Amino acid sequence: MRALRVVSIVLALAFAPLSLLAGCEGVTTEVDVRYSTPEHTTETLFSAYGVEDLSQDEVRARMAGNSRFELRDRQTYLSCFGDLRTPTDEGLAGFVFGGLAAGKDDLRTTIMGDRATVSPRPGFDVVMNREDDGRWLISLDESVPAEVRTRLGMVAADFDQRQRRGQSTGSVVQ
C-alpha cells in the first residue's frame, strides 16, 4: 500500500510539468525589456536623457550649476510615463526625472502587486504601475505632490499669458 502511494506521487510529480505546459498554451506575453521592471523603466528614462553613465555626483554638480540635460530620444522619454498628456505634464515629468537622477545611486524599489515605488531619498517617491501589457510606467498623477503641480501650473499659465501678449517668456516662480 505504501509502495503504491510512493509510485503515485512520483508519477504525479513526473507528469505535472507536462500538464502545466499544456494549460499555459497561448498565455505567453512579450514585454518590451526597457519597461519590464521598475528599474528598467528608470534606466530607460536615464538613457533618454543620456545620463545613464553619469555618476550621481556628476548629475548633482550639473544641476547645481543650472546645466540642462538634453533629451536625446523624445519618443522613449514619452513612453516611460503612463499619463503624460499635456505640455504642463512635461514639467511634471522633468520634476520626476530630476529627483530620480539626483539620487540615481541611492534608488530603492518596493513592489506590491501591480504598483511600485521608486525612492531616491525619503519623502521623494515615484510611483509606477504595471500596465495590462506588462510594462511598468511612471504615474505623474501619483508621483508629483500637489504643491509642485500648482507651482508648475502657475509657471505654465504665466508663460501662456506672456506669449499671448508678445512679451518675454522668461519666468521665475517664488
N, C-alpha and C. Protein backbone atom coordinates (compact mmCIF):
# COMPACT_ATOMS: atom_id res chain seq x y z
N MET A 1 0.83 -1.19 0.00
CA MET A 1 0.00 0.00 0.00
C MET A 1 0.87 1.25 0.00
N ARG A 2 1.88 1.29 0.87
CA ARG A 2 2.79 2.42 0.93
C ARG A 2 3.57 2.56 -0.36
N ALA A 3 4.02 1.47 -0.94
CA ALA A 3 4.78 1.50 -2.19
C ALA A 3 3.91 2.06 -3.32
N LEU A 4 2.63 1.70 -3.35
CA LEU A 4 1.71 2.20 -4.37
C LEU A 4 1.54 3.72 -4.24
N ARG A 5 1.47 4.18 -3.01
CA ARG A 5 1.35 5.63 -2.77
C ARG A 5 2.59 6.38 -3.24
N VAL A 6 3.75 5.83 -2.96
CA VAL A 6 5.01 6.45 -3.38
C VAL A 6 5.08 6.50 -4.90
N VAL A 7 4.72 5.42 -5.56
CA VAL A 7 4.74 5.38 -7.02
C VAL A 7 3.75 6.41 -7.58
N SER A 8 2.58 6.53 -6.98
CA SER A 8 1.57 7.50 -7.44
C SER A 8 2.10 8.93 -7.33
N ILE A 9 2.75 9.23 -6.23
CA ILE A 9 3.31 10.58 -6.02
C ILE A 9 4.42 10.85 -7.03
N VAL A 10 5.31 9.88 -7.23
CA VAL A 10 6.41 10.05 -8.19
C VAL A 10 5.87 10.28 -9.59
N LEU A 11 4.86 9.50 -10.00
CA LEU A 11 4.28 9.68 -11.33
C LEU A 11 3.59 11.03 -11.45
N ALA A 12 2.89 11.44 -10.42
CA ALA A 12 2.21 12.74 -10.45
C ALA A 12 3.22 13.87 -10.59
N LEU A 13 4.32 13.78 -9.86
CA LEU A 13 5.35 14.80 -9.96
C LEU A 13 6.05 14.77 -11.31
N ALA A 14 6.22 13.60 -11.87
CA ALA A 14 6.89 13.48 -13.16
C ALA A 14 6.06 14.08 -14.28
N PHE A 15 4.74 13.92 -14.21
CA PHE A 15 3.88 14.42 -15.29
C PHE A 15 3.30 15.81 -15.03
N ALA A 16 3.49 16.36 -13.84
CA ALA A 16 2.96 17.68 -13.51
C ALA A 16 3.46 18.76 -14.47
N PRO A 17 4.76 18.79 -14.79
CA PRO A 17 5.21 19.84 -15.72
C PRO A 17 4.52 19.77 -17.08
N LEU A 18 4.20 18.57 -17.54
CA LEU A 18 3.52 18.44 -18.84
C LEU A 18 2.12 19.03 -18.78
N SER A 19 1.41 18.78 -17.69
CA SER A 19 0.06 19.33 -17.59
C SER A 19 0.09 20.85 -17.41
N LEU A 20 1.11 21.34 -16.73
CA LEU A 20 1.25 22.79 -16.58
C LEU A 20 1.53 23.45 -17.93
N LEU A 21 2.39 22.83 -18.71
CA LEU A 21 2.70 23.38 -20.03
C LEU A 21 1.47 23.36 -20.93
N ALA A 22 0.71 22.28 -20.87
CA ALA A 22 -0.49 22.19 -21.70
C ALA A 22 -1.50 23.25 -21.30
N GLY A 23 -1.60 23.55 -20.02
CA GLY A 23 -2.54 24.55 -19.54
C GLY A 23 -2.12 25.98 -19.83
N CYS A 24 -0.85 26.20 -20.12
CA CYS A 24 -0.34 27.55 -20.34
C CYS A 24 -0.25 27.92 -21.81
N GLU A 25 -0.67 27.06 -22.68
CA GLU A 25 -0.54 27.33 -24.10
C GLU A 25 -1.23 28.64 -24.47
N GLY A 26 -0.52 29.50 -25.18
CA GLY A 26 -1.09 30.75 -25.65
C GLY A 26 -1.09 31.87 -24.62
N VAL A 27 -0.50 31.66 -23.44
CA VAL A 27 -0.53 32.66 -22.39
C VAL A 27 0.74 33.53 -22.42
N THR A 28 1.69 33.19 -23.25
CA THR A 28 2.95 33.92 -23.30
C THR A 28 2.72 35.37 -23.69
N THR A 29 3.31 36.28 -22.91
CA THR A 29 3.21 37.70 -23.19
C THR A 29 4.61 38.26 -23.38
N GLU A 30 4.77 39.05 -24.42
CA GLU A 30 6.06 39.70 -24.65
C GLU A 30 5.99 41.11 -24.12
N VAL A 31 7.00 41.48 -23.32
CA VAL A 31 7.07 42.82 -22.74
C VAL A 31 8.37 43.45 -23.22
N ASP A 32 8.29 44.69 -23.64
CA ASP A 32 9.48 45.44 -24.03
C ASP A 32 10.40 45.48 -22.82
N VAL A 33 11.59 44.94 -22.95
CA VAL A 33 12.51 44.82 -21.83
C VAL A 33 12.84 46.18 -21.21
N ARG A 34 12.74 47.25 -21.97
CA ARG A 34 13.04 48.58 -21.44
C ARG A 34 12.08 49.00 -20.33
N TYR A 35 10.92 48.35 -20.28
CA TYR A 35 9.89 48.70 -19.30
C TYR A 35 9.43 47.48 -18.50
N SER A 36 10.21 46.41 -18.53
CA SER A 36 9.79 45.15 -17.93
C SER A 36 9.86 45.12 -16.41
N THR A 37 10.60 46.04 -15.83
CA THR A 37 10.67 46.19 -14.37
C THR A 37 10.72 47.69 -14.06
N PRO A 38 10.41 48.08 -12.84
CA PRO A 38 10.55 49.50 -12.49
C PRO A 38 11.99 49.99 -12.68
N GLU A 39 12.95 49.13 -12.37
CA GLU A 39 14.35 49.50 -12.54
C GLU A 39 14.68 49.74 -14.02
N HIS A 40 14.16 48.88 -14.89
CA HIS A 40 14.41 49.05 -16.33
C HIS A 40 13.77 50.34 -16.85
N THR A 41 12.57 50.65 -16.38
CA THR A 41 11.91 51.89 -16.81
C THR A 41 12.74 53.10 -16.38
N THR A 42 13.27 53.07 -15.17
CA THR A 42 14.10 54.16 -14.68
C THR A 42 15.36 54.28 -15.53
N GLU A 43 16.00 53.16 -15.83
CA GLU A 43 17.20 53.17 -16.67
C GLU A 43 16.87 53.69 -18.08
N THR A 44 15.71 53.34 -18.59
CA THR A 44 15.29 53.81 -19.90
C THR A 44 15.11 55.32 -19.90
N LEU A 45 14.51 55.85 -18.84
CA LEU A 45 14.35 57.30 -18.71
C LEU A 45 15.73 57.98 -18.67
N PHE A 46 16.65 57.43 -17.90
CA PHE A 46 18.00 57.99 -17.83
C PHE A 46 18.67 57.96 -19.20
N SER A 47 18.48 56.88 -19.92
CA SER A 47 19.07 56.74 -21.26
C SER A 47 18.50 57.77 -22.22
N ALA A 48 17.21 58.05 -22.11
CA ALA A 48 16.58 59.04 -23.00
C ALA A 48 17.23 60.41 -22.82
N TYR A 49 17.75 60.69 -21.64
CA TYR A 49 18.42 61.96 -21.35
C TYR A 49 19.95 61.85 -21.44
N GLY A 50 20.47 60.66 -21.64
CA GLY A 50 21.91 60.49 -21.75
C GLY A 50 22.66 60.59 -20.43
N VAL A 51 22.00 60.29 -19.32
CA VAL A 51 22.67 60.36 -18.02
C VAL A 51 22.96 58.98 -17.43
N GLU A 52 22.70 57.94 -18.20
CA GLU A 52 22.85 56.59 -17.66
C GLU A 52 24.27 56.30 -17.20
N ASP A 53 25.27 56.92 -17.82
CA ASP A 53 26.67 56.66 -17.44
C ASP A 53 27.25 57.72 -16.51
N LEU A 54 26.47 58.73 -16.18
CA LEU A 54 26.94 59.76 -15.25
C LEU A 54 26.75 59.28 -13.81
N SER A 55 27.69 59.63 -12.95
CA SER A 55 27.52 59.29 -11.54
C SER A 55 26.51 60.25 -10.92
N GLN A 56 26.03 59.88 -9.78
CA GLN A 56 25.10 60.74 -9.05
C GLN A 56 25.76 62.09 -8.75
N ASP A 57 27.02 62.07 -8.38
CA ASP A 57 27.73 63.32 -8.09
C ASP A 57 27.83 64.20 -9.33
N GLU A 58 28.07 63.60 -10.50
CA GLU A 58 28.13 64.38 -11.74
C GLU A 58 26.77 65.00 -12.06
N VAL A 59 25.71 64.23 -11.87
CA VAL A 59 24.36 64.75 -12.12
C VAL A 59 24.08 65.91 -11.17
N ARG A 60 24.37 65.73 -9.92
CA ARG A 60 24.11 66.80 -8.93
C ARG A 60 24.94 68.05 -9.23
N ALA A 61 26.19 67.88 -9.65
CA ALA A 61 27.03 69.03 -9.97
C ALA A 61 26.44 69.80 -11.16
N ARG A 62 25.95 69.08 -12.16
CA ARG A 62 25.34 69.74 -13.30
C ARG A 62 24.08 70.48 -12.88
N MET A 63 23.28 69.87 -12.01
CA MET A 63 22.07 70.53 -11.53
C MET A 63 22.42 71.78 -10.72
N ALA A 64 23.42 71.68 -9.86
CA ALA A 64 23.82 72.81 -9.04
C ALA A 64 24.33 73.97 -9.90
N GLY A 65 24.92 73.65 -11.04
CA GLY A 65 25.41 74.66 -11.96
C GLY A 65 24.37 75.11 -12.96
N ASN A 66 23.11 74.71 -12.73
CA ASN A 66 21.99 75.06 -13.62
C ASN A 66 22.20 74.59 -15.05
N SER A 67 22.98 73.53 -15.23
CA SER A 67 23.15 72.94 -16.56
C SER A 67 21.88 72.20 -16.95
N ARG A 68 21.60 72.18 -18.22
CA ARG A 68 20.43 71.46 -18.71
C ARG A 68 20.85 70.07 -19.16
N PHE A 69 19.91 69.16 -19.07
CA PHE A 69 20.10 67.83 -19.62
C PHE A 69 19.36 67.79 -20.94
N GLU A 70 20.05 67.42 -21.99
CA GLU A 70 19.44 67.40 -23.31
C GLU A 70 18.74 66.07 -23.55
N LEU A 71 17.52 66.16 -23.99
CA LEU A 71 16.74 64.97 -24.32
C LEU A 71 17.26 64.40 -25.63
N ARG A 72 17.71 63.15 -25.60
CA ARG A 72 18.27 62.51 -26.79
C ARG A 72 17.23 61.70 -27.56
N ASP A 73 16.23 61.18 -26.86
CA ASP A 73 15.24 60.31 -27.50
C ASP A 73 13.86 60.64 -26.94
N ARG A 74 13.18 61.56 -27.59
CA ARG A 74 11.88 62.04 -27.11
C ARG A 74 10.83 60.92 -27.06
N GLN A 75 10.78 60.08 -28.06
CA GLN A 75 9.78 59.02 -28.09
C GLN A 75 9.96 58.06 -26.91
N THR A 76 11.19 57.70 -26.63
CA THR A 76 11.46 56.82 -25.49
C THR A 76 11.10 57.51 -24.18
N TYR A 77 11.46 58.77 -24.06
CA TYR A 77 11.12 59.56 -22.88
C TYR A 77 9.61 59.55 -22.65
N LEU A 78 8.84 59.87 -23.69
CA LEU A 78 7.38 59.91 -23.56
C LEU A 78 6.81 58.56 -23.16
N SER A 79 7.41 57.49 -23.65
CA SER A 79 6.87 56.15 -23.39
C SER A 79 7.17 55.64 -21.98
N CYS A 80 7.93 56.38 -21.20
CA CYS A 80 8.21 55.98 -19.81
C CYS A 80 7.06 56.33 -18.86
N PHE A 81 6.13 57.16 -19.35
CA PHE A 81 5.05 57.68 -18.49
C PHE A 81 3.70 57.15 -18.96
N GLY A 82 2.87 56.81 -18.00
CA GLY A 82 1.54 56.32 -18.32
C GLY A 82 0.52 57.42 -18.51
N ASP A 83 0.82 58.62 -18.04
CA ASP A 83 -0.19 59.69 -18.07
C ASP A 83 0.40 61.05 -18.45
N LEU A 84 1.38 61.07 -19.32
CA LEU A 84 1.95 62.34 -19.79
C LEU A 84 1.13 62.75 -21.02
N ARG A 85 0.30 63.80 -20.84
CA ARG A 85 -0.64 64.17 -21.91
C ARG A 85 -0.52 65.60 -22.39
N THR A 86 -0.06 66.51 -21.55
CA THR A 86 -0.07 67.93 -21.90
C THR A 86 1.32 68.52 -21.75
N PRO A 87 1.55 69.71 -22.32
CA PRO A 87 2.84 70.36 -22.11
C PRO A 87 3.15 70.59 -20.62
N THR A 88 2.15 70.90 -19.81
CA THR A 88 2.37 71.07 -18.37
C THR A 88 2.83 69.76 -17.75
N ASP A 89 2.30 68.64 -18.24
CA ASP A 89 2.73 67.33 -17.74
C ASP A 89 4.22 67.11 -17.99
N GLU A 90 4.75 67.71 -19.05
CA GLU A 90 6.19 67.57 -19.33
C GLU A 90 7.01 68.23 -18.23
N GLY A 91 6.51 69.30 -17.65
CA GLY A 91 7.18 69.90 -16.50
C GLY A 91 7.16 68.96 -15.30
N LEU A 92 6.05 68.28 -15.11
CA LEU A 92 5.94 67.29 -14.03
C LEU A 92 6.91 66.14 -14.27
N ALA A 93 7.01 65.72 -15.53
CA ALA A 93 7.93 64.64 -15.89
C ALA A 93 9.37 65.07 -15.63
N GLY A 94 9.68 66.34 -15.91
CA GLY A 94 11.01 66.86 -15.62
C GLY A 94 11.32 66.85 -14.14
N PHE A 95 10.32 67.17 -13.33
CA PHE A 95 10.47 67.11 -11.87
C PHE A 95 10.81 65.69 -11.43
N VAL A 96 10.08 64.71 -11.97
CA VAL A 96 10.32 63.30 -11.63
C VAL A 96 11.72 62.88 -12.07
N PHE A 97 12.07 63.21 -13.32
CA PHE A 97 13.40 62.87 -13.83
C PHE A 97 14.48 63.46 -12.94
N GLY A 98 14.37 64.74 -12.60
CA GLY A 98 15.38 65.39 -11.77
C GLY A 98 15.55 64.73 -10.42
N GLY A 99 14.44 64.38 -9.80
CA GLY A 99 14.51 63.72 -8.49
C GLY A 99 15.16 62.35 -8.57
N LEU A 100 14.82 61.60 -9.60
CA LEU A 100 15.42 60.27 -9.77
C LEU A 100 16.91 60.39 -10.11
N ALA A 101 17.23 61.28 -11.04
CA ALA A 101 18.62 61.42 -11.48
C ALA A 101 19.52 61.91 -10.34
N ALA A 102 19.02 62.83 -9.52
CA ALA A 102 19.82 63.37 -8.41
C ALA A 102 20.10 62.31 -7.35
N GLY A 103 19.31 61.26 -7.31
CA GLY A 103 19.52 60.20 -6.34
C GLY A 103 19.75 58.85 -6.99
N LYS A 104 20.26 58.85 -8.21
CA LYS A 104 20.32 57.62 -9.01
C LYS A 104 21.13 56.49 -8.37
N ASP A 105 22.11 56.82 -7.54
CA ASP A 105 22.90 55.76 -6.89
C ASP A 105 22.24 55.23 -5.63
N ASP A 106 21.16 55.88 -5.20
CA ASP A 106 20.51 55.50 -3.94
C ASP A 106 19.08 55.01 -4.13
N LEU A 107 18.69 54.68 -5.34
CA LEU A 107 17.31 54.29 -5.62
C LEU A 107 16.94 53.00 -4.90
N ARG A 108 15.76 53.02 -4.30
CA ARG A 108 15.19 51.83 -3.64
C ARG A 108 13.83 51.57 -4.26
N THR A 109 13.58 50.34 -4.62
CA THR A 109 12.32 49.98 -5.26
C THR A 109 11.53 49.04 -4.37
N THR A 110 10.25 49.34 -4.20
CA THR A 110 9.33 48.49 -3.45
C THR A 110 8.18 48.15 -4.38
N ILE A 111 7.88 46.87 -4.51
CA ILE A 111 6.79 46.43 -5.39
C ILE A 111 5.74 45.73 -4.56
N MET A 112 4.49 46.17 -4.76
CA MET A 112 3.35 45.50 -4.13
C MET A 112 2.31 45.28 -5.22
N GLY A 113 2.21 44.06 -5.70
CA GLY A 113 1.28 43.75 -6.77
C GLY A 113 1.67 44.47 -8.05
N ASP A 114 0.75 45.25 -8.60
CA ASP A 114 0.98 45.97 -9.86
C ASP A 114 1.39 47.42 -9.63
N ARG A 115 1.87 47.72 -8.44
CA ARG A 115 2.27 49.09 -8.09
C ARG A 115 3.67 49.05 -7.49
N ALA A 116 4.53 49.95 -7.95
CA ALA A 116 5.89 50.03 -7.43
C ALA A 116 6.17 51.46 -7.00
N THR A 117 7.03 51.58 -6.02
CA THR A 117 7.51 52.89 -5.57
C THR A 117 9.03 52.88 -5.70
N VAL A 118 9.55 53.86 -6.42
CA VAL A 118 10.99 54.03 -6.58
C VAL A 118 11.35 55.30 -5.82
N SER A 119 12.25 55.16 -4.84
CA SER A 119 12.59 56.28 -3.96
C SER A 119 14.09 56.53 -3.97
N PRO A 120 14.50 57.74 -4.39
CA PRO A 120 15.91 58.09 -4.30
C PRO A 120 16.30 58.57 -2.91
N ARG A 121 15.30 59.03 -2.14
CA ARG A 121 15.52 59.51 -0.77
C ARG A 121 14.16 59.49 -0.06
N PRO A 122 14.18 59.47 1.26
CA PRO A 122 12.90 59.50 1.99
C PRO A 122 12.11 60.76 1.63
N GLY A 123 10.84 60.58 1.38
CA GLY A 123 9.97 61.70 1.06
C GLY A 123 9.82 61.99 -0.42
N PHE A 124 10.62 61.35 -1.26
CA PHE A 124 10.50 61.52 -2.71
C PHE A 124 10.21 60.15 -3.30
N ASP A 125 8.95 59.92 -3.62
CA ASP A 125 8.52 58.62 -4.13
C ASP A 125 7.95 58.76 -5.53
N VAL A 126 8.47 57.97 -6.43
CA VAL A 126 7.96 57.91 -7.79
C VAL A 126 7.16 56.61 -7.91
N VAL A 127 5.90 56.75 -8.29
CA VAL A 127 5.01 55.60 -8.39
C VAL A 127 4.98 55.11 -9.82
N MET A 128 5.10 53.80 -9.98
CA MET A 128 4.94 53.16 -11.28
C MET A 128 3.85 52.11 -11.17
N ASN A 129 3.10 51.97 -12.24
CA ASN A 129 2.06 50.96 -12.29
C ASN A 129 2.34 50.02 -13.45
N ARG A 130 2.05 48.73 -13.21
CA ARG A 130 2.22 47.75 -14.29
C ARG A 130 0.96 47.77 -15.14
N GLU A 131 1.16 48.05 -16.40
CA GLU A 131 0.06 48.11 -17.36
C GLU A 131 -0.39 46.70 -17.73
N ASP A 132 -1.52 46.60 -18.42
CA ASP A 132 -2.04 45.30 -18.84
C ASP A 132 -1.06 44.55 -19.73
N ASP A 133 -0.22 45.29 -20.48
CA ASP A 133 0.74 44.65 -21.38
C ASP A 133 2.06 44.32 -20.67
N GLY A 134 2.13 44.53 -19.36
CA GLY A 134 3.30 44.16 -18.57
C GLY A 134 4.32 45.27 -18.39
N ARG A 135 4.18 46.39 -19.07
CA ARG A 135 5.13 47.50 -18.93
C ARG A 135 4.91 48.23 -17.61
N TRP A 136 6.00 48.62 -16.96
CA TRP A 136 5.96 49.44 -15.76
C TRP A 136 6.14 50.89 -16.20
N LEU A 137 5.13 51.72 -15.98
CA LEU A 137 5.16 53.10 -16.40
C LEU A 137 4.98 54.05 -15.22
N ILE A 138 5.66 55.18 -15.29
CA ILE A 138 5.61 56.18 -14.23
C ILE A 138 4.26 56.88 -14.25
N SER A 139 3.66 57.05 -13.08
CA SER A 139 2.41 57.77 -12.93
C SER A 139 2.71 59.17 -12.39
N LEU A 140 2.54 60.17 -13.24
CA LEU A 140 2.74 61.55 -12.79
C LEU A 140 1.69 61.93 -11.75
N ASP A 141 0.45 61.50 -11.96
CA ASP A 141 -0.63 61.83 -11.03
C ASP A 141 -0.31 61.37 -9.61
N GLU A 142 0.36 60.24 -9.48
CA GLU A 142 0.65 59.68 -8.17
C GLU A 142 2.03 60.05 -7.64
N SER A 143 2.89 60.63 -8.48
CA SER A 143 4.27 60.87 -8.11
C SER A 143 4.58 62.32 -7.76
N VAL A 144 3.83 63.25 -8.32
CA VAL A 144 4.16 64.67 -8.14
C VAL A 144 3.23 65.27 -7.09
N PRO A 145 3.81 65.84 -6.03
CA PRO A 145 3.00 66.45 -4.98
C PRO A 145 2.14 67.61 -5.50
N ALA A 146 1.00 67.83 -4.87
CA ALA A 146 0.06 68.88 -5.28
C ALA A 146 0.73 70.25 -5.31
N GLU A 147 1.59 70.55 -4.36
CA GLU A 147 2.26 71.85 -4.31
C GLU A 147 3.12 72.07 -5.56
N VAL A 148 3.81 71.04 -6.01
CA VAL A 148 4.64 71.14 -7.21
C VAL A 148 3.76 71.32 -8.43
N ARG A 149 2.65 70.59 -8.49
CA ARG A 149 1.70 70.74 -9.60
C ARG A 149 1.20 72.18 -9.69
N THR A 150 0.86 72.74 -8.55
CA THR A 150 0.34 74.11 -8.51
C THR A 150 1.39 75.09 -9.01
N ARG A 151 2.61 74.97 -8.53
CA ARG A 151 3.68 75.89 -8.95
C ARG A 151 3.97 75.77 -10.44
N LEU A 152 4.03 74.54 -10.94
CA LEU A 152 4.29 74.36 -12.38
C LEU A 152 3.11 74.86 -13.21
N GLY A 153 1.91 74.71 -12.69
CA GLY A 153 0.73 75.24 -13.38
C GLY A 153 0.79 76.75 -13.47
N MET A 154 1.28 77.40 -12.41
CA MET A 154 1.42 78.86 -12.41
C MET A 154 2.46 79.30 -13.44
N VAL A 155 3.55 78.58 -13.52
CA VAL A 155 4.58 78.90 -14.50
C VAL A 155 4.02 78.77 -15.91
N ALA A 156 3.29 77.69 -16.15
CA ALA A 156 2.71 77.47 -17.48
C ALA A 156 1.70 78.56 -17.83
N ALA A 157 0.86 78.94 -16.87
CA ALA A 157 -0.14 79.99 -17.11
C ALA A 157 0.55 81.32 -17.40
N ASP A 158 1.59 81.64 -16.64
CA ASP A 158 2.34 82.88 -16.85
C ASP A 158 2.98 82.88 -18.24
N PHE A 159 3.55 81.76 -18.62
CA PHE A 159 4.16 81.62 -19.94
C PHE A 159 3.12 81.86 -21.04
N ASP A 160 1.96 81.23 -20.91
CA ASP A 160 0.90 81.39 -21.92
C ASP A 160 0.45 82.85 -22.02
N GLN A 161 0.28 83.51 -20.88
CA GLN A 161 -0.16 84.92 -20.89
C GLN A 161 0.89 85.80 -21.56
N ARG A 162 2.14 85.62 -21.22
CA ARG A 162 3.20 86.41 -21.82
C ARG A 162 3.30 86.16 -23.32
N GLN A 163 3.15 84.93 -23.70
CA GLN A 163 3.24 84.59 -25.12
C GLN A 163 2.10 85.24 -25.90
N ARG A 164 0.90 85.24 -25.33
CA ARG A 164 -0.25 85.86 -26.00
C ARG A 164 -0.06 87.37 -26.13
N ARG A 165 0.60 87.98 -25.14
CA ARG A 165 0.82 89.42 -25.18
C ARG A 165 2.09 89.79 -25.94
N GLY A 166 2.85 88.78 -26.39
CA GLY A 166 4.08 89.05 -27.13
C GLY A 166 5.22 89.51 -26.27
N GLN A 167 5.15 89.19 -24.95
CA GLN A 167 6.22 89.60 -24.04
C GLN A 167 7.25 88.50 -23.91
N SER A 168 8.33 88.84 -23.24
CA SER A 168 9.36 87.85 -22.94
C SER A 168 8.73 86.69 -22.19
N THR A 169 9.20 85.49 -22.47
CA THR A 169 8.62 84.32 -21.81
C THR A 169 9.49 83.83 -20.66
N GLY A 170 10.49 84.61 -20.28
CA GLY A 170 11.28 84.24 -19.09
C GLY A 170 10.40 84.34 -17.88
N SER A 171 10.48 83.37 -16.98
CA SER A 171 9.58 83.34 -15.84
C SER A 171 10.28 82.81 -14.62
N VAL A 172 9.97 83.37 -13.49
CA VAL A 172 10.53 82.89 -12.22
C VAL A 172 9.36 82.73 -11.25
N VAL A 173 9.27 81.58 -10.61
CA VAL A 173 8.26 81.36 -9.60
C VAL A 173 8.95 81.35 -8.25
N GLN A 174 8.39 82.11 -7.32
CA GLN A 174 9.00 82.18 -5.99
C GLN A 174 8.17 81.42 -4.99
